C-alpha cells in the first residue's frame, strides 16, 4: 500500500471519528436527561427477548420525560436492594418514596423531552395540575403543555382551566383545548419508557395519530380512594407517517412503519370511576385498584363514528407476609358499533402477554384490533431465598423470586350486538397464554424474567429485563 493510500485512509478515519464525536456531543444533553430520569426516578424498563422487544420505564399517566430532581437517595435504595441493617424499614419504604414525589404537588412547570419514530425529538414544557390542586384546591388555575416535534415539524399544545370546590372530597369543573400527536398505547408503556427504547435501541412501541379538539369535565372525589368523573369530548383525528429511523444504537434495525388509523371526528360522552386503596402507586404490596371507563359516541352529537366502548381494569395486591404475596389483574374490553382503529384492542408483548410479540393479537401490529378483549395476569412473589454459602451466589439473596402467568384473548363480535355480549362462546382453547419465572429487587420493579409461550415449542422463550412492573 503506497503512502497516498495510507494518507487517504487516515483522512477518512479521522473524518468519520470527528463526525461521530460531533453527533454524540450534540446529543449529550438529551442523553443526559434520559439517563438522569432513569437513575433519579428508578423506573426505567427494558424488555429483551427472542422477538427483540425492549422498553424502559413505567408511568402510564405521565406525558413525556420530566427532568426534575426532588430528592437524593443512595444508589442501593434507588436499585431497591436491601440493606441488612435497615430491613425493618422496608415495609414503609414504598409509602415514604411516594411522599417524596407527591409532597407539595411537585413543581409548577416541568421540562419534557421524548423521542420516537414519528415526532423525532420532542422538546417542551408542562404546567402541572397536581401543583395547583395541592396548593389551591378551591381556586381556578391554568394548566397545559407546549412543545415542538422536530422531525414531524409540528407544534403541540394544550391549554386548560380548572376550578375546585371543597377542600375535602374536592369537586372539580374544567375544560381544555389541545392539538397533539397522541397514542392509544400509554396503558401498556409510558412516553418515558418508549422514548428511552426508541432513542437508545431503535425500539418504538407507540403507534401515533394527530388529535385536535377539546373537552369539558366534572370530577368528584367521593372519598379518599374513590373518584368519579364525566365529560364531553370532541376530537379530530388523522394518521401520521414515520419521520425518522435514527437511534443511538440498534445497528441495522428499522423502526416499524406507523399504522394508518381512521381519520375523522369523534364526539362523545365519557365517564370514569376509580377505586384505589393501594399502599403505593409504583410498588404496591397490598390493596385494590379498580378502574371502569365508558364512552358513548354518536346519537345526535355529529360524530363520524358511532360506538359504545368500555374497559374495566381490576387489580388485587395481596400480601402474604414480608416480601411474599399474590398480585392479580383482570382487564376486559368490549364495544358496540363502528369502532375506529385507535379505539380497538390489541394484546401481546410487554405488560400484557409477555411471551408473545408486541401486539400479536388479534392480527398483528399493523392491523386494526378487535372489539372484544380479556386479559388475566397473576404473579406470586416468593421473597428472597437463603442459599448455601458453598455455591458462592450470595448476591442472589438480595433478590426475590417471582412466578407469573398471563392469559389473554382478543376477538371480533357482531358490531350490532350488545356491548355485554360476545363472550359466552369462549373456551380455554381460545386463549393464548404464557408462564414464567423472575428474580427481582425488594420492590419488584427491577427484575429479570423468563417467559415461555404454552402454544408452541418453536422458539417459545422470551428473556426480559425490566425496571418496572407490568401492572
Protein backbone atom coordinates (compact mmCIF):
# COMPACT_ATOMS: atom_id res chain seq x y z
CA UNK A 1 0.00 0.00 0.00
CA UNK A 2 1.51 3.37 -1.03
CA UNK A 3 1.76 6.45 1.17
CA UNK A 4 -1.01 8.26 -0.73
CA UNK A 5 -3.48 5.45 0.02
CA UNK A 6 -2.44 5.43 3.68
CA UNK A 7 -2.98 9.18 3.93
CA UNK A 8 -6.42 8.87 2.31
CA UNK A 9 -7.43 6.09 4.72
CA UNK A 10 -6.23 8.11 7.69
CA UNK A 11 -8.22 11.13 6.50
CA UNK A 12 -11.36 9.04 6.06
CA UNK A 13 -10.98 7.51 9.52
CA UNK A 14 -10.40 10.90 11.15
CA UNK A 15 -13.34 12.41 9.30
CA UNK A 16 -15.68 9.64 10.47
CA UNK A 17 -14.35 9.89 14.01
CA UNK A 18 -14.89 13.65 14.01
CA UNK A 19 -18.44 13.29 12.65
CA UNK A 20 -19.35 10.73 15.29
CA UNK A 21 -17.84 12.88 18.02
CA UNK A 22 -19.85 15.89 16.85
CA UNK A 23 -23.07 13.87 16.73
CA UNK A 24 -22.51 12.44 20.20
CA UNK A 25 -21.63 15.87 21.58
CA UNK A 26 -24.76 17.39 20.08
CA UNK A 27 -26.91 14.69 21.62
CA UNK A 28 -25.19 14.62 25.00
CA UNK A 29 -27.75 16.89 26.65
CA UNK A 30 -30.68 14.72 25.55
CA UNK A 31 -28.84 11.57 26.60
CA UNK A 32 -28.10 13.15 29.96
CA UNK A 33 -31.78 13.92 30.51
CA UNK A 34 -32.78 10.36 29.69
CA UNK A 35 -30.11 8.84 31.97
CA UNK A 36 -30.87 11.39 34.67
CA UNK A 37 -34.52 10.37 34.68
CA UNK A 38 -33.66 6.67 34.80
CA UNK A 39 -31.37 6.92 37.83
CA UNK A 40 -33.40 9.50 39.76
CA UNK A 41 -36.83 8.00 39.28
CA UNK A 42 -35.51 4.45 39.20
CA UNK A 43 -38.34 3.30 36.96
CA UNK A 44 -36.82 2.70 33.56
CA UNK A 45 -37.73 -0.62 31.99
CA UNK A 46 -36.16 -2.74 29.29
CA UNK A 47 -37.59 -5.83 27.73
CA UNK A 48 -35.26 -8.00 25.67
CA UNK A 49 -36.47 -11.24 24.09
CA UNK A 50 -36.36 -13.52 21.11
CA UNK A 51 -38.87 -11.22 19.45
CA UNK A 52 -36.47 -8.27 20.06
CA UNK A 53 -38.75 -6.40 22.43
CA UNK A 54 -37.31 -3.71 24.64
CA UNK A 55 -38.87 -0.93 26.65
CA UNK A 56 -37.92 1.32 29.53
CA UNK A 57 -39.72 2.89 32.50
CA UNK A 58 -43.28 2.83 33.70
CA UNK A 59 -45.69 5.66 34.39
CA UNK A 60 -48.73 5.44 32.18
CA UNK A 61 -50.15 8.79 33.26
CA UNK A 62 -47.05 10.91 32.65
CA UNK A 63 -46.75 12.70 29.30
CA UNK A 64 -43.12 12.99 28.34
CA UNK A 65 -39.91 12.94 30.30
CA UNK A 66 -39.74 15.13 33.38
CA UNK A 67 -36.30 16.47 34.20
CA UNK A 68 -36.76 17.27 37.87
CA UNK A 69 -34.76 16.44 40.98
CA UNK A 70 -36.74 16.34 44.22
CA UNK A 71 -34.63 14.17 46.45
CA UNK A 72 -31.37 12.25 46.59
CA UNK A 73 -31.16 8.64 47.74
CA UNK A 74 -28.28 6.14 47.95
CA UNK A 75 -27.72 4.01 44.87
CA UNK A 76 -28.67 0.91 46.88
CA UNK A 77 -32.07 2.46 47.62
CA UNK A 78 -32.61 3.50 44.01
CA UNK A 79 -31.92 -0.04 42.85
CA UNK A 80 -34.14 -1.42 45.58
CA UNK A 81 -31.52 -3.69 47.16
CA UNK A 82 -31.91 -4.48 50.82
CA UNK A 83 -29.57 -3.23 53.50
CA UNK A 84 -29.34 -5.88 56.26
CA UNK A 85 -29.06 -3.11 58.86
CA UNK A 86 -32.31 -1.43 57.78
CA UNK A 87 -34.54 -4.33 56.74
CA UNK A 88 -37.14 -3.30 59.30
CA UNK A 89 -37.72 -0.04 57.39
CA UNK A 90 -38.65 -1.71 54.10
CA UNK A 91 -42.30 -2.24 54.99
CA UNK A 92 -42.81 1.53 54.77
CA UNK A 93 -40.32 2.26 52.01
CA UNK A 94 -42.93 2.46 49.25
CA UNK A 95 -45.07 4.91 51.20
CA UNK A 96 -42.06 7.10 52.06
CA UNK A 97 -40.92 7.11 48.45
CA UNK A 98 -44.36 8.17 47.24
CA UNK A 99 -44.37 11.01 49.78
CA UNK A 100 -41.10 12.31 48.31
CA UNK A 101 -42.67 12.80 44.90
CA UNK A 102 -46.15 13.93 45.87
CA UNK A 103 -45.32 16.33 48.72
CA UNK A 104 -46.25 19.84 47.65
CA UNK A 105 -47.52 18.61 44.29
CA UNK A 106 -44.04 18.89 42.78
CA UNK A 107 -43.08 21.99 40.80
CA UNK A 108 -45.39 24.16 38.72
CA UNK A 109 -43.56 23.68 35.42
CA UNK A 110 -41.55 20.68 34.25
CA UNK A 111 -39.41 20.23 31.14
CA UNK A 112 -40.28 17.38 28.79
CA UNK A 113 -38.10 15.55 26.31
CA UNK A 114 -39.12 12.47 24.38
CA UNK A 115 -38.14 10.65 21.23
CA UNK A 116 -39.98 8.34 18.82
CA UNK A 117 -40.12 7.42 15.15
CA UNK A 118 -42.94 9.86 14.33
CA UNK A 119 -42.16 13.00 16.33
CA UNK A 120 -38.41 12.50 16.34
CA UNK A 121 -37.06 14.63 19.18
CA UNK A 122 -39.78 16.47 21.09
CA UNK A 123 -38.84 19.40 23.33
CA UNK A 124 -41.41 21.04 25.55
CA UNK A 125 -42.67 22.07 28.97
CA UNK A 126 -45.76 21.40 31.02
CA UNK A 127 -47.78 23.31 33.64
CA UNK A 128 -48.83 20.64 36.11
CA UNK A 129 -52.30 20.29 37.62
CA UNK A 130 -51.02 18.46 40.70
CA UNK A 131 -49.19 21.54 41.97
CA UNK A 132 -52.28 23.75 41.87
CA UNK A 133 -54.60 21.09 43.26
CA UNK A 134 -52.26 20.69 46.24
CA UNK A 135 -51.68 24.39 46.93
CA UNK A 136 -55.04 25.95 45.99
CA UNK A 137 -57.67 23.21 45.59
CA UNK A 138 -60.62 25.63 45.65
CA UNK A 139 -59.25 28.32 43.31
CA UNK A 140 -59.23 28.47 39.48
CA UNK A 141 -55.93 27.77 37.73
CA UNK A 142 -54.47 27.23 34.26
CA UNK A 143 -52.67 24.09 33.16
CA UNK A 144 -51.34 22.69 29.91
CA UNK A 145 -48.28 21.95 27.83
CA UNK A 146 -46.42 23.23 24.79
CA UNK A 147 -43.64 21.74 22.70
CA UNK A 148 -42.26 21.15 19.23
CA UNK A 149 -41.69 17.84 17.45
CA UNK A 150 -38.59 18.38 15.32
CA UNK A 151 -38.96 15.59 12.75
CA UNK A 152 -42.74 15.81 12.46
CA UNK A 153 -42.39 19.61 12.27
CA UNK A 154 -45.45 20.13 14.43
CA UNK A 155 -46.13 22.46 17.33
CA UNK A 156 -48.11 20.67 20.05
CA UNK A 157 -50.04 22.32 22.83
CA UNK A 158 -52.77 22.00 25.43
CA UNK A 159 -54.36 24.80 27.48
CA UNK A 160 -56.87 24.10 30.23
CA UNK A 161 -58.75 25.88 33.01
CA UNK A 162 -60.00 24.19 36.17
CA UNK A 163 -61.57 25.32 39.42
CA UNK A 164 -62.34 23.34 42.53
CA UNK A 165 -64.80 23.33 45.40
CA UNK A 166 -64.40 21.90 48.91
CA UNK A 167 -61.05 21.05 50.50
CA UNK A 168 -62.36 17.62 51.49
CA UNK A 169 -63.99 15.46 48.81
CA UNK A 170 -62.98 18.00 46.17
CA UNK A 171 -65.31 18.76 43.26
CA UNK A 172 -63.55 19.95 40.08
CA UNK A 173 -65.02 21.63 36.99
CA UNK A 174 -62.84 22.34 33.97
CA UNK A 175 -62.22 22.39 30.26
CA UNK A 176 -59.28 22.24 27.86
CA UNK A 177 -58.29 22.55 24.20
CA UNK A 178 -55.39 20.71 22.57
CA UNK A 179 -53.53 19.90 19.36
CA UNK A 180 -51.32 16.87 19.97
CA UNK A 181 -49.58 13.87 18.50
CA UNK A 182 -51.14 11.16 20.64
CA UNK A 183 -51.07 7.38 21.13
CA UNK A 184 -53.55 4.76 22.44
CA UNK A 185 -50.73 2.72 23.99
CA UNK A 186 -49.88 4.51 27.26
CA UNK A 187 -51.68 1.85 29.29
CA UNK A 188 -49.02 -0.58 28.01
CA UNK A 189 -45.91 1.60 28.02
CA UNK A 190 -45.40 5.22 29.04
CA UNK A 191 -43.92 8.04 26.97
CA UNK A 192 -40.79 7.92 29.11
CA UNK A 193 -40.04 4.24 28.68
CA UNK A 194 -40.92 4.32 24.99
CA UNK A 195 -38.68 7.34 24.43
CA UNK A 196 -35.74 5.58 26.06
CA UNK A 197 -36.24 2.46 23.97
CA UNK A 198 -36.53 4.46 20.74
CA UNK A 199 -33.63 6.81 21.45
CA UNK A 200 -31.11 4.21 22.56
CA UNK A 201 -32.13 0.93 20.89
CA UNK A 202 -34.45 1.69 17.95
CA UNK A 203 -37.48 0.07 19.57
CA UNK A 204 -40.70 2.12 19.38
CA UNK A 205 -43.82 0.57 20.92
CA UNK A 206 -46.19 3.51 20.47
CA UNK A 207 -48.40 3.99 17.42
CA UNK A 208 -49.44 7.56 16.72
CA UNK A 209 -52.15 9.84 15.34
CA UNK A 210 -52.91 13.56 15.42
CA UNK A 211 -55.66 14.74 17.71
CA UNK A 212 -57.13 18.24 17.80
CA UNK A 213 -60.12 19.19 19.92
CA UNK A 214 -61.28 19.84 23.44
CA UNK A 215 -63.27 18.63 26.41
CA UNK A 216 -65.33 19.81 29.34
CA UNK A 217 -65.49 17.74 32.51
CA UNK A 218 -66.63 17.39 36.11
CA UNK A 219 -64.70 15.29 38.63
CA UNK A 220 -65.73 14.40 42.19
CA UNK A 221 -63.64 12.81 44.94
CA UNK A 222 -66.34 10.83 46.72
CA UNK A 223 -63.81 9.53 49.26
CA UNK A 224 -60.05 9.44 49.71
CA UNK A 225 -59.79 6.40 47.41
CA UNK A 226 -62.87 6.86 45.19
CA UNK A 227 -63.06 9.30 42.24
CA UNK A 228 -65.84 9.76 39.67
CA UNK A 229 -65.60 11.91 36.52
CA UNK A 230 -67.77 12.63 33.45
CA UNK A 231 -67.04 14.73 30.40
CA UNK A 232 -67.84 15.68 26.81
CA UNK A 233 -65.04 15.24 24.26
CA UNK A 234 -64.68 16.28 20.64
CA UNK A 235 -61.57 15.40 18.63
CA UNK A 236 -60.50 15.44 15.00
CA UNK A 237 -58.18 12.51 14.21
CA UNK A 238 -55.76 11.89 11.37
CA UNK A 239 -52.94 9.45 10.54
CA UNK A 240 -49.21 10.09 10.66
CA UNK A 241 -46.19 8.54 8.96
CA UNK A 242 -42.79 7.54 10.25
CA UNK A 243 -40.40 10.50 10.09
CA UNK A 244 -37.08 9.16 11.34
CA UNK A 245 -35.11 5.94 11.50
CA UNK A 246 -32.27 7.17 13.74
CA UNK A 247 -31.26 5.86 17.16
CA UNK A 248 -28.06 5.98 19.19
CA UNK A 249 -27.69 2.22 18.97
CA UNK A 250 -29.68 -0.51 17.23
CA UNK A 251 -27.43 -1.18 14.25
CA UNK A 252 -29.25 -2.01 11.03
CA UNK A 253 -32.66 -2.45 12.64
CA UNK A 254 -35.52 -0.45 11.18
CA UNK A 255 -38.32 1.29 13.03
CA UNK A 256 -41.69 -0.17 12.02
CA UNK A 257 -43.98 1.97 9.90
CA UNK A 258 -46.70 3.83 11.77
CA UNK A 259 -50.08 2.14 11.16
CA UNK A 260 -52.71 4.05 9.21
CA UNK A 261 -55.52 4.96 11.62
CA UNK A 262 -59.05 6.14 10.97
CA UNK A 263 -59.39 9.84 10.17
CA UNK A 264 -62.50 11.74 11.21
CA UNK A 265 -64.23 13.48 14.08
CA UNK A 266 -65.38 11.77 17.25
CA UNK A 267 -67.78 13.48 19.63
CA UNK A 268 -68.53 11.51 22.74
CA UNK A 269 -69.66 11.42 26.34
CA UNK A 270 -67.26 9.57 28.64
CA UNK A 271 -67.32 8.54 32.27
CA UNK A 272 -64.78 7.00 34.60
CA UNK A 273 -64.68 5.86 38.19
CA UNK A 274 -61.59 4.75 40.07
CA UNK A 275 -61.16 2.98 43.39
CA UNK A 276 -57.55 2.94 44.58
CA UNK A 277 -56.62 1.57 48.02
CA UNK A 278 -53.04 0.55 47.11
CA UNK A 279 -50.30 1.33 49.61
CA UNK A 280 -48.05 2.53 46.76
CA UNK A 281 -48.57 3.63 43.19
CA UNK A 282 -45.25 2.36 41.83
CA UNK A 283 -44.64 -0.70 44.03
CA UNK A 284 -47.88 -1.83 45.68
CA UNK A 285 -47.88 -4.83 48.01
CA UNK A 286 -51.48 -4.64 49.25
CA UNK A 287 -54.78 -3.06 48.28
CA UNK A 288 -57.21 -2.79 45.37
CA UNK A 289 -57.11 -0.84 42.13
CA UNK A 290 -60.35 -0.77 40.09
CA UNK A 291 -60.96 1.50 37.11
CA UNK A 292 -64.01 1.50 34.84
CA UNK A 293 -64.18 3.63 31.67
CA UNK A 294 -67.20 4.03 29.40
CA UNK A 295 -67.51 6.08 26.21
CA UNK A 296 -70.54 6.73 24.02
CA UNK A 297 -70.15 8.40 20.59
CA UNK A 298 -72.86 9.39 18.13
CA UNK A 299 -76.63 9.78 18.62
CA UNK A 300 -77.09 13.40 17.59
CA UNK A 301 -73.57 14.54 18.53
CA UNK A 302 -72.50 14.87 14.86
CA UNK A 303 -69.77 12.25 15.21
CA UNK A 304 -68.25 10.43 12.23
CA UNK A 305 -68.15 7.27 14.35
CA UNK A 306 -70.96 5.75 16.39
CA UNK A 307 -69.99 3.36 19.14
CA UNK A 308 -70.19 2.36 22.78
CA UNK A 309 -66.98 1.20 24.42
CA UNK A 310 -65.89 0.17 27.89
CA UNK A 311 -62.70 -1.02 29.61
CA UNK A 312 -62.56 -2.33 33.16
CA UNK A 313 -59.24 -2.96 34.93
CA UNK A 314 -59.31 -4.81 38.27
CA UNK A 315 -56.15 -5.46 40.30
CA UNK A 316 -55.61 -7.02 43.70
CA UNK A 317 -52.33 -6.94 45.63
CA UNK A 318 -52.45 -9.44 48.48
CA UNK A 319 -49.64 -9.57 50.99
CA UNK A 320 -48.84 -12.98 52.49
CA UNK A 321 -46.10 -11.77 54.80
CA UNK A 322 -42.81 -9.96 54.48
CA UNK A 323 -41.89 -9.84 50.76
CA UNK A 324 -44.43 -12.57 49.89
CA UNK A 325 -47.73 -12.03 48.11
CA UNK A 326 -50.10 -12.55 45.18
CA UNK A 327 -50.72 -9.89 42.54
CA UNK A 328 -53.71 -10.37 40.22
CA UNK A 329 -55.07 -8.43 37.28
CA UNK A 330 -58.20 -8.78 35.14
CA UNK A 331 -58.73 -6.40 32.22
CA UNK A 332 -61.81 -6.63 29.97
CA UNK A 333 -62.80 -4.51 27.00
CA UNK A 334 -65.83 -4.54 24.72
CA UNK A 335 -67.63 -2.31 22.24
CA UNK A 336 -70.65 -1.92 20.01
CA UNK A 337 -70.81 -0.05 16.70
CA UNK A 338 -68.16 1.28 14.30
CA UNK A 339 -65.04 1.19 16.45
CA UNK A 340 -62.14 3.19 14.92
CA UNK A 341 -58.58 1.79 14.82
CA UNK A 342 -57.36 3.92 17.71
CA UNK A 343 -60.13 2.62 19.98
CA UNK A 344 -59.71 -1.09 19.15
CA UNK A 345 -57.99 -3.72 21.33
CA UNK A 346 -54.57 -5.36 20.94
CA UNK A 347 -52.62 -7.74 23.21
CA UNK A 348 -49.13 -9.21 23.14
CA UNK A 349 -45.70 -8.32 24.43
CA UNK A 350 -44.73 -6.06 27.28
CA UNK A 351 -47.23 -5.54 30.11
CA UNK A 352 -49.74 -7.97 28.55
CA UNK A 353 -48.80 -11.42 27.17
CA UNK A 354 -45.10 -11.30 27.96
CA UNK A 355 -44.17 -14.42 25.99
CA UNK A 356 -45.57 -13.10 22.70
CA UNK A 357 -44.53 -10.50 20.11
CA UNK A 358 -45.79 -6.97 20.62
CA UNK A 359 -49.47 -6.56 19.63
CA UNK A 360 -49.54 -10.09 18.21
CA UNK A 361 -53.28 -10.38 18.89
CA UNK A 362 -55.54 -10.40 17.03
CA UNK A 363 -53.75 -9.95 13.67
CA UNK A 364 -50.55 -8.05 14.36
CA UNK A 365 -49.47 -4.51 14.97
CA UNK A 366 -50.15 -3.07 11.53
CA UNK A 367 -53.82 -4.10 11.50
CA UNK A 368 -56.83 -2.84 13.48
CA UNK A 369 -57.52 -4.61 16.74
CA UNK A 370 -60.60 -6.49 17.86
CA UNK A 371 -63.75 -5.26 19.59
CA UNK A 372 -63.62 -7.78 22.46
CA UNK A 373 -60.71 -8.39 24.84
CA UNK A 374 -59.88 -10.32 28.03
CA UNK A 375 -56.52 -10.26 29.82
CA UNK A 376 -55.64 -12.02 33.08
CA UNK A 377 -52.28 -11.89 34.87
CA UNK A 378 -51.05 -13.49 38.08
CA UNK A 379 -47.77 -13.07 39.95
CA UNK A 380 -46.62 -14.85 43.10
CA UNK A 381 -43.86 -13.04 44.98
CA UNK A 382 -41.91 -15.62 46.99
CA UNK A 383 -39.43 -13.29 48.67
CA UNK A 384 -35.69 -13.83 48.88
CA UNK A 385 -34.21 -17.31 49.36
CA UNK A 386 -31.28 -18.33 51.55
CA UNK A 387 -28.61 -20.15 49.52
CA UNK A 388 -25.74 -22.33 50.77
CA UNK A 389 -22.50 -20.40 51.23
CA UNK A 390 -20.62 -23.08 49.31
CA UNK A 391 -22.13 -22.15 45.94
CA UNK A 392 -20.91 -18.54 46.20
CA UNK A 393 -24.11 -16.94 44.85
CA UNK A 394 -24.77 -14.67 47.81
CA UNK A 395 -25.75 -11.82 45.51
CA UNK A 396 -28.94 -13.70 44.57
CA UNK A 397 -30.07 -13.50 48.19
CA UNK A 398 -30.60 -9.77 47.61
CA UNK A 399 -33.46 -10.52 45.22
CA UNK A 400 -36.95 -12.00 45.35
CA UNK A 401 -38.24 -14.88 43.23
CA UNK A 402 -41.46 -14.34 41.26
CA UNK A 403 -43.61 -16.86 39.41
CA UNK A 404 -46.03 -15.42 36.84
CA UNK A 405 -48.62 -16.41 34.26
CA UNK A 406 -50.53 -14.44 31.60
CA UNK A 407 -53.58 -15.41 29.54
CA UNK A 408 -55.47 -13.32 27.02
CA UNK A 409 -57.88 -13.25 24.09
CA UNK A 410 -58.84 -10.65 21.52
CA UNK A 411 -61.70 -11.29 19.09
CA UNK A 412 -64.40 -9.82 16.89
CA UNK A 413 -68.04 -9.71 17.90
CA UNK A 414 -71.09 -8.62 15.98
CA UNK A 415 -70.84 -4.79 15.92
CA UNK A 416 -74.63 -4.60 16.33
CA UNK A 417 -74.59 -6.90 19.34
CA UNK A 418 -74.87 -5.65 22.90
CA UNK A 419 -71.64 -4.42 24.40
CA UNK A 420 -72.00 -7.03 27.15
CA UNK A 421 -72.38 -9.99 24.80
CA UNK A 422 -69.92 -11.91 22.64
CA UNK A 423 -68.07 -13.76 25.42
CA UNK A 424 -70.24 -16.84 26.10
CA UNK A 425 -68.75 -18.94 23.30
CA UNK A 426 -65.23 -18.69 24.70
CA UNK A 427 -63.35 -21.80 25.82
CA UNK A 428 -59.85 -22.14 27.30
CA UNK A 429 -58.51 -23.13 23.85
CA UNK A 430 -59.37 -19.63 22.57
CA UNK A 431 -56.90 -18.03 24.98
CA UNK A 432 -53.19 -17.51 24.40
CA UNK A 433 -51.03 -17.96 27.49
CA UNK A 434 -47.51 -17.93 28.87
CA UNK A 435 -45.80 -18.78 32.14
CA UNK A 436 -42.52 -17.58 33.58
CA UNK A 437 -40.15 -17.04 36.45
CA UNK A 438 -38.29 -13.91 37.51
CA UNK A 439 -35.83 -12.59 40.05
CA UNK A 440 -36.42 -9.06 41.27
CA UNK A 441 -35.39 -6.48 43.82
CA UNK A 442 -37.39 -5.89 47.00
CA UNK A 443 -39.96 -3.60 45.39
CA UNK A 444 -40.46 -5.87 42.36
CA UNK A 445 -39.61 -3.12 39.88
CA UNK A 446 -36.13 -4.27 38.83
CA UNK A 447 -36.46 -7.79 37.52
CA UNK A 448 -35.10 -10.39 35.12
CA UNK A 449 -37.90 -12.52 33.61
CA UNK A 450 -38.03 -15.67 31.53
CA UNK A 451 -41.41 -16.17 29.81
CA UNK A 452 -42.49 -19.26 27.87
CA UNK A 453 -45.40 -19.49 25.46
CA UNK A 454 -47.60 -22.50 26.04
CA UNK A 455 -48.99 -22.78 22.49
CA UNK A 456 -45.79 -23.70 20.63
CA UNK A 457 -42.46 -25.42 21.06
CA UNK A 458 -40.73 -23.33 18.37
CA UNK A 459 -38.66 -20.57 19.99
CA UNK A 460 -41.07 -20.41 22.93
CA UNK A 461 -38.80 -18.50 25.33
CA UNK A 462 -38.51 -14.75 25.81
CA UNK A 463 -35.96 -13.17 28.13
CA UNK A 464 -36.88 -9.85 29.68
CA UNK A 465 -35.01 -7.35 31.81
CA UNK A 466 -37.33 -4.79 33.38
CA UNK A 467 -37.08 -1.93 35.81
CA UNK A 468 -40.83 -1.62 36.36
CA UNK A 469 -43.85 -3.84 36.84
CA UNK A 470 -46.33 -4.95 34.21
CA UNK A 471 -49.23 -3.92 36.45
